[in-house]
Amino acid sequence: MAADQDHSEFNLGDIEAFVFDVFGTTVDWFTTVSREVAIRSRGHIAVGSQDAIDFANEWRDGYKRTVSQVSQGGQGSLSIDIVHKDLLEYMLESPRWSRLAAVWSQQDRNDLVMTWHNLDPYPGDTLEGLAELKKHTIIATLSNGNLRLLLDMAKNASLPWDAILSAELFGTYKPAPKAYLSAAYHLSVEPQKIAMVAAHKYDLLGAAKVGFKTIYVPRPAEDTPEIRAEVKAKKHGGEVDLVVRGFVELASLVANAHGE
């Protein structure tokens, strides 16, 4: 398989560690959360309905706002579990979702928050690709998810990480430079020998600012179609170092770079 980028100036064999975004890049939060919200609604929301889609997206959008605020020095929790719970409570006070407030007890709400600990990997790509990459280099998370969430997710989805790095441990969120530099420090790898793998342009631009190589993996529910197209169109313009279709393709390229 050929990647969407001529990487003649980017030797994958020189990369000592690949660090991965998790939500949306490694696991399919959208499919899992929209499905679970509907299943747990006791008939108030149908699986695959617009309500299920909108609820999942609204929850995720609230997360994005909080992360952006904290990464710029604003107030907010560094535990995504707390962020998700607070956002859920706020949503249930809104006119659109208030009917669910009477349906979900506090235990139901806690259980729904735990859905984020048990997200589905992308089938035919995530596990296969990570297993192959692990043969050649360090593979680690670099996620805004809190540590316990990432640990549970790794166990539940059999994600074979060598290390789990959470921005929570570094006192910030991506894309703050401290998140990426702290990861490099704890891995004892120079930034230029680390590649950030993500389905989000903002994440890769943040990583590039501290010297990481950047690998873009377009995913259907991540970024907008316009951003995905823009990144691919500018693949020779330096915005990202490499565009691949998935983890399996990336693993194949890495194997080739190591002479296999």
Protein backbone atom coordinates (compact mmCIF):
# COMPACT_ATOMS: atom_id res chain seq x y z
CA MET A 1 0.00 0.00 0.00
CA ALA A 2 1.25 3.46 -0.82
CA ALA A 3 0.81 6.34 1.58
CA ASP A 4 -0.61 9.69 0.51
CA GLN A 5 2.70 11.43 1.12
CA ASP A 6 6.14 11.23 -0.43
CA HIS A 7 8.18 10.78 2.73
CA SER A 8 11.63 10.83 1.12
CA GLU A 9 12.69 13.46 3.67
CA PHE A 10 10.97 11.66 6.54
CA ASN A 11 12.66 8.37 7.41
CA LEU A 12 10.26 6.29 9.47
CA GLY A 13 13.19 4.09 10.44
CA ASP A 14 14.58 7.00 12.50
CA ILE A 15 11.47 7.21 14.69
CA GLU A 16 12.04 5.71 18.13
CA ALA A 17 8.53 6.26 19.48
CA PHE A 18 5.08 6.69 17.98
CA VAL A 19 2.65 8.45 20.29
CA PHE A 20 -1.04 8.19 19.53
CA ASP A 21 -4.05 10.31 20.11
CA VAL A 22 -6.78 8.00 21.41
CA PHE A 23 -10.31 9.47 21.12
CA GLY A 24 -11.24 9.34 17.45
CA THR A 25 -7.81 8.26 16.23
CA THR A 26 -7.37 4.90 17.96
CA VAL A 27 -10.93 4.24 19.12
CA ASP A 28 -14.29 5.12 17.58
CA TRP A 29 -15.89 7.20 20.32
CA PHE A 30 -18.74 8.37 18.07
CA THR A 31 -20.14 4.95 17.17
CA THR A 32 -19.78 3.64 20.71
CA VAL A 33 -21.23 6.64 22.55
CA SER A 34 -24.14 7.27 20.18
CA ARG A 35 -25.08 3.60 20.41
CA GLU A 36 -24.82 3.39 24.21
CA VAL A 37 -26.77 6.59 24.78
CA ALA A 38 -29.64 5.13 22.75
CA ILE A 39 -29.49 1.69 24.38
CA ARG A 40 -29.49 3.20 27.88
CA SER A 41 -32.30 5.70 27.16
CA ARG A 42 -35.04 3.13 27.83
CA GLY A 43 -36.78 3.83 24.55
CA HIS A 44 -36.49 7.62 24.55
CA ILE A 45 -33.80 7.60 21.84
CA ALA A 46 -33.60 5.13 18.97
CA VAL A 47 -30.29 3.57 17.97
CA GLY A 48 -28.96 5.39 14.91
CA SER A 49 -31.43 8.25 15.25
CA GLN A 50 -30.60 11.92 14.88
CA ASP A 51 -31.09 12.34 18.63
CA ALA A 52 -28.43 9.70 19.31
CA ILE A 53 -26.05 11.39 16.88
CA ASP A 54 -26.71 14.87 18.28
CA PHE A 55 -26.36 13.79 21.91
CA ALA A 56 -22.98 12.19 21.26
CA ASN A 57 -21.72 15.18 19.28
CA GLU A 58 -22.95 17.69 21.85
CA TRP A 59 -21.19 15.79 24.62
CA ARG A 60 -17.98 15.66 22.59
CA ASP A 61 -18.20 19.35 21.66
CA GLY A 62 -18.41 20.24 25.35
CA TYR A 63 -15.25 18.23 25.95
CA LYS A 64 -13.47 20.11 23.16
CA ARG A 65 -14.41 23.48 24.66
CA THR A 66 -13.17 22.48 28.11
CA VAL A 67 -9.88 21.10 26.78
CA SER A 68 -9.26 24.23 24.73
CA GLN A 69 -9.96 26.46 27.72
CA VAL A 70 -7.66 24.56 30.10
CA SER A 71 -4.85 24.16 27.56
CA GLN A 72 -4.77 27.96 27.27
CA GLY A 73 -4.48 28.41 31.03
CA GLY A 74 -8.15 28.63 31.91
CA GLN A 75 -10.05 26.88 34.68
CA GLY A 76 -11.32 23.31 34.44
CA SER A 77 -10.71 19.80 35.66
CA LEU A 78 -7.79 17.75 34.38
CA SER A 79 -9.83 14.57 34.77
CA ILE A 80 -11.87 13.83 31.67
CA ASP A 81 -14.15 11.65 33.80
CA ILE A 82 -15.10 14.74 35.80
CA VAL A 83 -15.41 16.80 32.62
CA HIS A 84 -17.71 14.21 31.04
CA LYS A 85 -19.86 13.94 34.17
CA ASP A 86 -20.22 17.72 34.54
CA LEU A 87 -21.10 18.08 30.88
CA LEU A 88 -23.68 15.31 31.10
CA GLU A 89 -25.39 16.98 34.05
CA TYR A 90 -25.40 20.30 32.20
CA MET A 91 -26.92 18.70 29.10
CA LEU A 92 -29.67 17.04 31.11
CA GLU A 93 -30.73 20.48 32.37
CA SER A 94 -31.27 21.72 28.82
CA PRO A 95 -34.76 21.74 27.25
CA ARG A 96 -33.81 19.25 24.56
CA TRP A 97 -32.50 16.54 26.89
CA SER A 98 -34.43 17.23 30.10
CA ARG A 99 -36.72 14.26 29.42
CA LEU A 100 -33.74 12.00 30.07
CA ALA A 101 -33.05 13.52 33.51
CA ALA A 102 -35.99 11.59 34.96
CA VAL A 103 -34.90 8.40 33.20
CA TRP A 104 -31.30 8.28 34.39
CA SER A 105 -30.50 7.92 38.09
CA GLN A 106 -27.13 9.06 39.37
CA GLN A 107 -25.89 5.50 38.98
CA ASP A 108 -27.15 5.44 35.40
CA ARG A 109 -25.31 8.67 34.72
CA ASN A 110 -22.11 7.34 36.27
CA ASP A 111 -22.43 4.20 34.16
CA LEU A 112 -22.93 6.29 31.03
CA VAL A 113 -19.77 8.27 31.79
CA MET A 114 -17.92 4.96 32.05
CA THR A 115 -18.86 4.26 28.42
CA TRP A 116 -15.86 6.42 27.55
CA HIS A 117 -13.65 3.78 29.24
CA ASN A 118 -14.91 1.09 26.88
CA LEU A 119 -14.80 2.52 23.36
CA ASP A 120 -14.56 0.31 20.28
CA PRO A 121 -11.27 0.19 18.35
CA TYR A 122 -11.58 0.72 14.60
CA PRO A 123 -12.20 -2.77 13.21
CA GLY A 124 -9.59 -4.25 10.92
CA ASP A 125 -7.10 -1.48 11.64
CA THR A 126 -6.35 -0.43 15.23
CA LEU A 127 -5.35 -3.69 16.89
CA GLU A 128 -3.68 -5.16 13.82
CA GLY A 129 -1.69 -2.01 13.13
CA LEU A 130 -0.57 -1.47 16.71
CA ALA A 131 0.54 -5.10 17.06
CA GLU A 132 2.77 -4.75 13.99
CA LEU A 133 4.16 -1.35 15.00
CA LYS A 134 5.02 -2.67 18.45
CA LYS A 135 7.49 -5.08 16.84
CA HIS A 136 9.63 -2.20 15.62
CA THR A 137 9.32 0.73 18.00
CA ILE A 138 7.77 2.15 21.15
CA ILE A 139 4.03 2.76 20.91
CA ALA A 140 2.36 4.92 23.54
CA THR A 141 -0.72 7.01 24.09
CA LEU A 142 -0.50 10.77 24.32
CA SER A 143 -4.08 11.55 25.17
CA ASN A 144 -6.15 14.10 27.02
CA GLY A 145 -7.97 11.20 28.64
CA ASN A 146 -7.23 10.75 32.34
CA LEU A 147 -4.93 7.89 33.30
CA ARG A 148 -7.56 5.53 34.75
CA LEU A 149 -9.75 5.97 31.69
CA LEU A 150 -6.83 5.08 29.40
CA LEU A 151 -5.86 2.08 31.54
CA ASP A 152 -9.40 0.73 31.48
CA MET A 153 -9.68 1.31 27.76
CA ALA A 154 -6.43 -0.53 27.09
CA LYS A 155 -7.64 -3.53 29.08
CA ASN A 156 -11.17 -3.51 27.67
CA ALA A 157 -10.05 -3.17 24.04
CA SER A 158 -6.76 -5.15 24.30
CA LEU A 159 -4.73 -2.14 23.14
CA PRO A 160 -1.05 -3.23 23.32
CA TRP A 161 0.57 0.02 24.48
CA ASP A 162 4.16 0.03 25.73
CA ALA A 163 3.32 3.11 27.79
CA ILE A 164 0.23 5.10 28.69
CA LEU A 165 0.87 8.83 28.82
CA SER A 166 -1.96 11.10 29.89
CA ALA A 167 -1.92 14.88 29.71
CA GLU A 168 -3.54 14.75 33.15
CA LEU A 169 -0.12 13.75 34.54
CA PHE A 170 1.44 16.84 33.00
CA GLY A 171 -1.05 19.36 34.37
CA THR A 172 -2.43 20.48 31.03
CA TYR A 173 -4.17 19.32 27.87
CA LYS A 174 -3.00 19.06 24.30
CA PRO A 175 -2.25 21.12 22.29
CA ALA A 176 -0.27 22.94 25.01
CA PRO A 177 3.48 22.45 24.29
CA LYS A 178 4.01 21.10 27.80
CA ALA A 179 1.99 17.97 26.99
CA TYR A 180 4.24 16.97 24.09
CA LEU A 181 7.52 17.97 25.73
CA SER A 182 6.60 16.07 28.89
CA ALA A 183 5.93 12.95 26.83
CA ALA A 184 9.34 13.25 25.19
CA TYR A 185 10.98 13.70 28.59
CA HIS A 186 9.34 10.65 30.13
CA LEU A 187 10.08 8.48 27.09
CA SER A 188 13.71 9.71 27.09
CA VAL A 189 13.44 10.30 23.33
CA GLU A 190 14.38 13.49 21.51
CA PRO A 191 11.31 15.26 20.04
CA GLN A 192 12.52 14.89 16.46
CA LYS A 193 12.61 11.11 16.92
CA ILE A 194 8.97 10.97 18.04
CA ALA A 195 6.01 10.85 15.65
CA MET A 196 2.58 12.02 16.79
CA VAL A 197 -0.23 10.04 15.16
CA ALA A 198 -3.64 11.73 15.19
CA ALA A 199 -6.86 12.29 13.28
CA HIS A 200 -6.94 15.93 14.38
CA LYS A 201 -5.06 18.68 12.59
CA TYR A 202 -4.84 20.88 15.70
CA ASP A 203 -3.11 18.08 17.63
CA LEU A 204 -0.49 17.54 14.94
CA LEU A 205 0.19 21.26 14.58
CA GLY A 206 0.75 21.43 18.34
CA ALA A 207 3.15 18.48 18.20
CA ALA A 208 5.05 19.94 15.26
CA LYS A 209 5.73 23.14 17.19
CA VAL A 210 7.96 21.24 19.63
CA GLY A 211 9.72 19.22 16.93
CA PHE A 212 7.67 16.03 16.68
CA LYS A 213 7.12 14.43 13.30
CA THR A 214 3.42 14.32 12.43
CA ILE A 215 1.26 11.59 10.89
CA TYR A 216 -2.34 12.29 9.93
CA VAL A 217 -4.89 9.46 9.90
CA PRO A 218 -8.23 10.69 8.49
CA ARG A 219 -11.21 9.22 10.37
CA PRO A 220 -14.83 9.74 9.27
CA ALA A 221 -16.06 11.42 12.48
CA GLU A 222 -12.95 13.54 13.11
CA ASP A 223 -12.17 17.04 11.85
CA THR A 224 -14.51 18.25 9.13
CA PRO A 225 -14.52 16.90 5.57
CA GLU A 226 -13.04 20.26 4.54
CA ILE A 227 -10.14 19.97 6.99
CA ARG A 228 -9.46 16.37 6.02
CA ALA A 229 -9.38 17.36 2.36
CA GLU A 230 -7.19 20.37 3.10
CA VAL A 231 -4.61 18.32 4.98
CA LYS A 232 -4.44 15.75 2.20
CA ALA A 233 -4.25 18.45 -0.48
CA LYS A 234 -1.36 20.17 1.30
CA LYS A 235 0.51 16.96 2.01
CA HIS A 236 3.51 18.31 0.09
CA GLY A 237 3.25 21.71 1.72
CA GLY A 238 4.67 20.84 5.12
CA GLU A 239 1.56 21.02 7.33
CA VAL A 240 2.02 17.38 8.28
CA ASP A 241 4.85 15.00 7.49
CA LEU A 242 2.80 12.00 6.44
CA VAL A 243 -0.80 11.09 5.62
CA VAL A 244 -1.82 7.43 5.88
CA ARG A 245 -5.16 5.70 5.59
CA GLY A 246 -4.82 3.82 8.88
CA PHE A 247 -2.60 2.05 11.37
CA VAL A 248 -2.13 -1.03 9.19
CA GLU A 249 -0.74 1.09 6.37
CA LEU A 250 1.53 2.93 8.80
CA ALA A 251 2.82 -0.38 10.17
CA SER A 252 3.57 -1.57 6.66
CA LEU A 253 5.56 1.57 5.92
CA VAL A 254 7.50 1.23 9.17
CA ALA A 255 8.30 -2.42 8.42
CA ASN A 256 9.60 -1.40 5.00
CA ALA A 257 11.73 1.32 6.59
CA HIS A 258 13.29 -1.35 8.81
CA GLY A 259 14.04 -3.52 5.80
CA GLU A 260 11.27 -6.06 6.22
